[in-house]
Amino acid sequence: MLEELMDLKYNLWEDNVEFEYFHASEDKQHTRTCFFNILRDHLDDIRADSVIVEKSKTNPTLQNNHAMFYKKMFDILLRYVLEAYRGKYDVVIIVTDTIPLKQKRKDIEKAIKTTVSEWMDVYNCTYQLFHLSSKSDINLQIADYINWAIYIKWQRQERRSYEDIRKCLISEYDVFLRGTTRYY
């Protein structure tokens, strides 16, 4: 898939579509359509789990405390992912996109490290955490496209892109509905 996405990038450049990297919310519809066409053919190799959170429904204490908010949400997500791979790993590698705001970045990094450390004790493994620009890693760009498809489904009730990625989506957990939609 990575080679196909690089070919797509170069083909778009040949068609005079100027962009530096794939970013779903900024890409033109034609680029998104081509990207999703490639992605759809490789969904058997991808597992996606999502946590849906409407910040406006969040307790004001959590809304205003980034560290506490992200720790709680990351804890919910990580629980599903780690349980799915229980006993299949010794090291968990977590890669996030860089966060531009310095204080928010510190809060999120602290929340992730605290949560991951707690879960590593439970699952008896170690972890590596990297914060990279999505420009530097095609896998972050793939994750961006999957997240964008989920986001527009929930935000705008647009399902076309969501249906493109639906096959790799293992779970969606709406925190405020207290329920998980699981797909197996």
Protein backbone atom coordinates (compact mmCIF):
# COMPACT_ATOMS: atom_id res chain seq x y z
CA MET A 1 0.00 0.00 0.00
CA LEU A 2 2.81 2.42 0.81
CA GLU A 3 4.20 2.13 -2.70
CA GLU A 4 0.73 2.73 -4.17
CA LEU A 5 0.29 5.86 -2.03
CA MET A 6 3.68 7.19 -3.12
CA ASP A 7 2.72 6.50 -6.76
CA LEU A 8 -0.53 8.39 -6.15
CA LYS A 9 1.38 11.35 -4.76
CA TYR A 10 3.69 11.48 -7.78
CA ASN A 11 0.80 10.99 -10.22
CA LEU A 12 -1.06 13.88 -8.61
CA TRP A 13 2.04 16.02 -8.91
CA GLU A 14 2.22 15.12 -12.61
CA ASP A 15 -1.42 16.30 -12.86
CA ASN A 16 -0.30 19.62 -11.30
CA VAL A 17 -1.92 18.97 -7.91
CA GLU A 18 0.42 20.67 -5.46
CA PHE A 19 0.59 19.31 -1.92
CA GLU A 20 3.32 18.22 0.47
CA TYR A 21 1.68 15.24 2.14
CA PHE A 22 -1.74 13.62 2.46
CA HIS A 23 -4.05 15.36 4.93
CA ALA A 24 -7.72 14.45 4.60
CA SER A 25 -9.26 17.72 5.77
CA GLU A 26 -7.04 19.78 3.48
CA ASP A 27 -6.88 17.52 0.41
CA LYS A 28 -9.15 18.10 -2.55
CA GLN A 29 -11.99 15.62 -3.04
CA HIS A 30 -10.25 14.00 -6.01
CA THR A 31 -7.17 13.30 -3.88
CA ARG A 32 -9.31 11.90 -1.06
CA THR A 33 -11.20 9.66 -3.47
CA CYS A 34 -7.96 8.27 -4.90
CA PHE A 35 -6.49 7.79 -1.41
CA PHE A 36 -9.60 5.96 -0.15
CA ASN A 37 -9.61 3.76 -3.28
CA ILE A 38 -6.12 2.55 -2.38
CA LEU A 39 -6.87 2.29 1.32
CA ARG A 40 -10.01 0.22 0.70
CA ASP A 41 -7.92 -2.51 -0.98
CA HIS A 42 -5.73 -2.90 2.13
CA LEU A 43 -8.16 -2.78 5.02
CA ASP A 44 -7.44 -6.39 6.00
CA ASP A 45 -3.99 -5.18 7.13
CA ILE A 46 -5.33 -2.37 9.33
CA ARG A 47 -7.08 -2.35 12.70
CA ALA A 48 -8.79 0.85 13.83
CA ASP A 49 -10.48 1.53 17.15
CA SER A 50 -12.02 4.89 17.95
CA VAL A 51 -13.26 6.82 20.94
CA ILE A 52 -15.96 9.38 20.19
CA VAL A 53 -16.03 12.34 22.58
CA GLU A 54 -18.12 15.48 22.32
CA LYS A 55 -16.20 17.96 24.44
CA SER A 56 -19.33 20.06 24.98
CA LYS A 57 -20.88 17.12 26.84
CA THR A 58 -17.80 16.66 28.98
CA ASN A 59 -17.79 17.72 32.61
CA PRO A 60 -16.28 21.24 32.80
CA THR A 61 -13.59 19.91 35.14
CA LEU A 62 -12.38 17.60 32.38
CA GLN A 63 -12.90 20.17 29.62
CA ASN A 64 -10.54 22.61 31.30
CA ASN A 65 -7.91 20.11 32.39
CA HIS A 66 -6.17 18.82 29.24
CA ALA A 67 -4.01 16.34 31.14
CA MET A 68 -6.98 14.74 32.88
CA PHE A 69 -9.16 14.80 29.75
CA TYR A 70 -6.59 13.16 27.47
CA LYS A 71 -5.56 10.65 30.13
CA LYS A 72 -9.15 9.47 30.49
CA MET A 73 -9.81 9.27 26.74
CA PHE A 74 -6.49 7.59 25.99
CA ASP A 75 -7.16 5.10 28.79
CA ILE A 76 -10.48 4.12 27.20
CA LEU A 77 -8.91 3.64 23.77
CA LEU A 78 -5.79 1.86 24.96
CA ARG A 79 -7.79 -0.67 26.98
CA TYR A 80 -9.39 -2.04 23.79
CA VAL A 81 -6.24 -2.09 21.74
CA LEU A 82 -4.03 -3.75 24.34
CA GLU A 83 -6.63 -6.37 25.21
CA ALA A 84 -6.96 -7.30 21.53
CA TYR A 85 -3.24 -8.04 21.34
CA ARG A 86 -2.76 -9.50 24.83
CA GLY A 87 0.31 -11.74 24.91
CA LYS A 88 1.29 -10.95 21.31
CA TYR A 89 3.85 -8.24 22.01
CA ASP A 90 6.75 -7.35 24.28
CA VAL A 91 6.99 -3.72 23.21
CA VAL A 92 4.19 -1.36 22.25
CA ILE A 93 5.20 1.44 19.88
CA ILE A 94 2.95 4.49 19.97
CA VAL A 95 3.31 7.21 17.36
CA THR A 96 1.31 10.41 17.59
CA ASP A 97 1.21 13.48 15.44
CA THR A 98 3.01 16.45 16.94
CA ILE A 99 0.85 18.83 18.92
CA PRO A 100 1.58 22.47 18.09
CA LEU A 101 0.63 24.17 21.37
CA LYS A 102 3.43 23.75 23.91
CA GLN A 103 1.31 23.49 27.08
CA LYS A 104 -1.27 21.24 25.45
CA ARG A 105 1.55 19.06 24.10
CA LYS A 106 3.02 18.68 27.60
CA ASP A 107 -0.40 17.80 29.02
CA ILE A 108 -1.08 15.22 26.33
CA GLU A 109 2.39 13.69 26.57
CA LYS A 110 2.05 13.40 30.34
CA ALA A 111 -1.41 11.85 30.00
CA ILE A 112 -0.21 9.32 27.45
CA LYS A 113 2.89 8.36 29.42
CA THR A 114 0.97 7.98 32.67
CA THR A 115 -1.77 5.88 31.07
CA VAL A 116 0.58 3.73 29.03
CA SER A 117 2.81 3.09 32.04
CA GLU A 118 -0.18 1.88 34.05
CA TRP A 119 -1.28 -0.47 31.27
CA MET A 120 2.24 -1.77 30.62
CA ASP A 121 2.33 -3.00 34.22
CA VAL A 122 -0.94 -4.87 33.64
CA TYR A 123 0.22 -6.41 30.36
CA ASN A 124 3.84 -6.92 31.39
CA CYS A 125 5.46 -5.16 28.44
CA THR A 126 7.30 -1.95 27.64
CA TYR A 127 6.57 0.91 25.29
CA GLN A 128 8.19 3.48 23.05
CA LEU A 129 6.43 6.80 22.45
CA PHE A 130 7.19 9.04 19.47
CA HIS A 131 5.64 12.38 18.55
CA LEU A 132 6.28 12.94 14.84
CA SER A 133 4.94 15.32 12.27
CA SER A 134 2.37 13.55 10.12
CA LYS A 135 4.34 14.90 7.17
CA SER A 136 7.12 12.48 8.08
CA ASP A 137 5.15 9.24 8.21
CA ILE A 138 2.67 7.80 5.71
CA ASN A 139 1.17 5.66 8.49
CA LEU A 140 0.14 8.81 10.36
CA GLN A 141 -1.41 10.04 7.11
CA ILE A 142 -3.35 6.78 6.80
CA ALA A 143 -4.53 7.18 10.42
CA ASP A 144 -5.52 10.77 9.62
CA TYR A 145 -7.71 9.61 6.74
CA ILE A 146 -9.38 6.95 8.88
CA ASN A 147 -9.98 9.43 11.71
CA TRP A 148 -11.32 12.02 9.28
CA ALA A 149 -13.81 9.50 7.86
CA ILE A 150 -15.04 8.71 11.37
CA TYR A 151 -15.17 12.40 12.29
CA ILE A 152 -17.31 13.47 9.31
CA LYS A 153 -19.66 10.57 9.95
CA TRP A 154 -20.30 11.82 13.50
CA GLN A 155 -20.04 15.56 12.82
CA ARG A 156 -21.83 15.89 9.46
CA GLN A 157 -23.57 12.53 9.11
CA GLU A 158 -21.61 11.96 5.88
CA ARG A 159 -21.02 8.24 5.47
CA ARG A 160 -19.29 7.83 2.09
CA SER A 161 -15.71 7.91 3.40
CA TYR A 162 -16.76 6.09 6.55
CA GLU A 163 -18.09 3.21 4.47
CA ASP A 164 -14.72 3.15 2.66
CA ILE A 165 -12.88 2.44 5.93
CA ARG A 166 -15.62 0.58 7.82
CA LYS A 167 -14.05 -2.85 7.22
CA CYS A 168 -10.97 -2.02 9.35
CA LEU A 169 -12.95 -0.35 12.12
CA ILE A 170 -13.06 -2.79 15.01
CA SER A 171 -14.82 -0.57 17.54
CA GLU A 172 -16.35 2.85 18.06
CA TYR A 173 -16.91 3.85 21.63
CA ASP A 174 -19.15 6.85 22.23
CA VAL A 175 -18.12 7.87 25.72
CA PHE A 176 -21.40 9.59 26.50
CA LEU A 177 -23.67 6.84 25.23
CA ARG A 178 -21.81 4.44 27.50
CA GLY A 179 -21.76 1.86 24.81
CA THR A 180 -19.43 0.38 22.31
CA THR A 181 -20.29 -0.55 18.80
CA ARG A 182 -18.03 -3.45 17.99
CA TYR A 183 -17.44 -4.89 14.58
CA TYR A 184 -15.87 -8.33 14.37
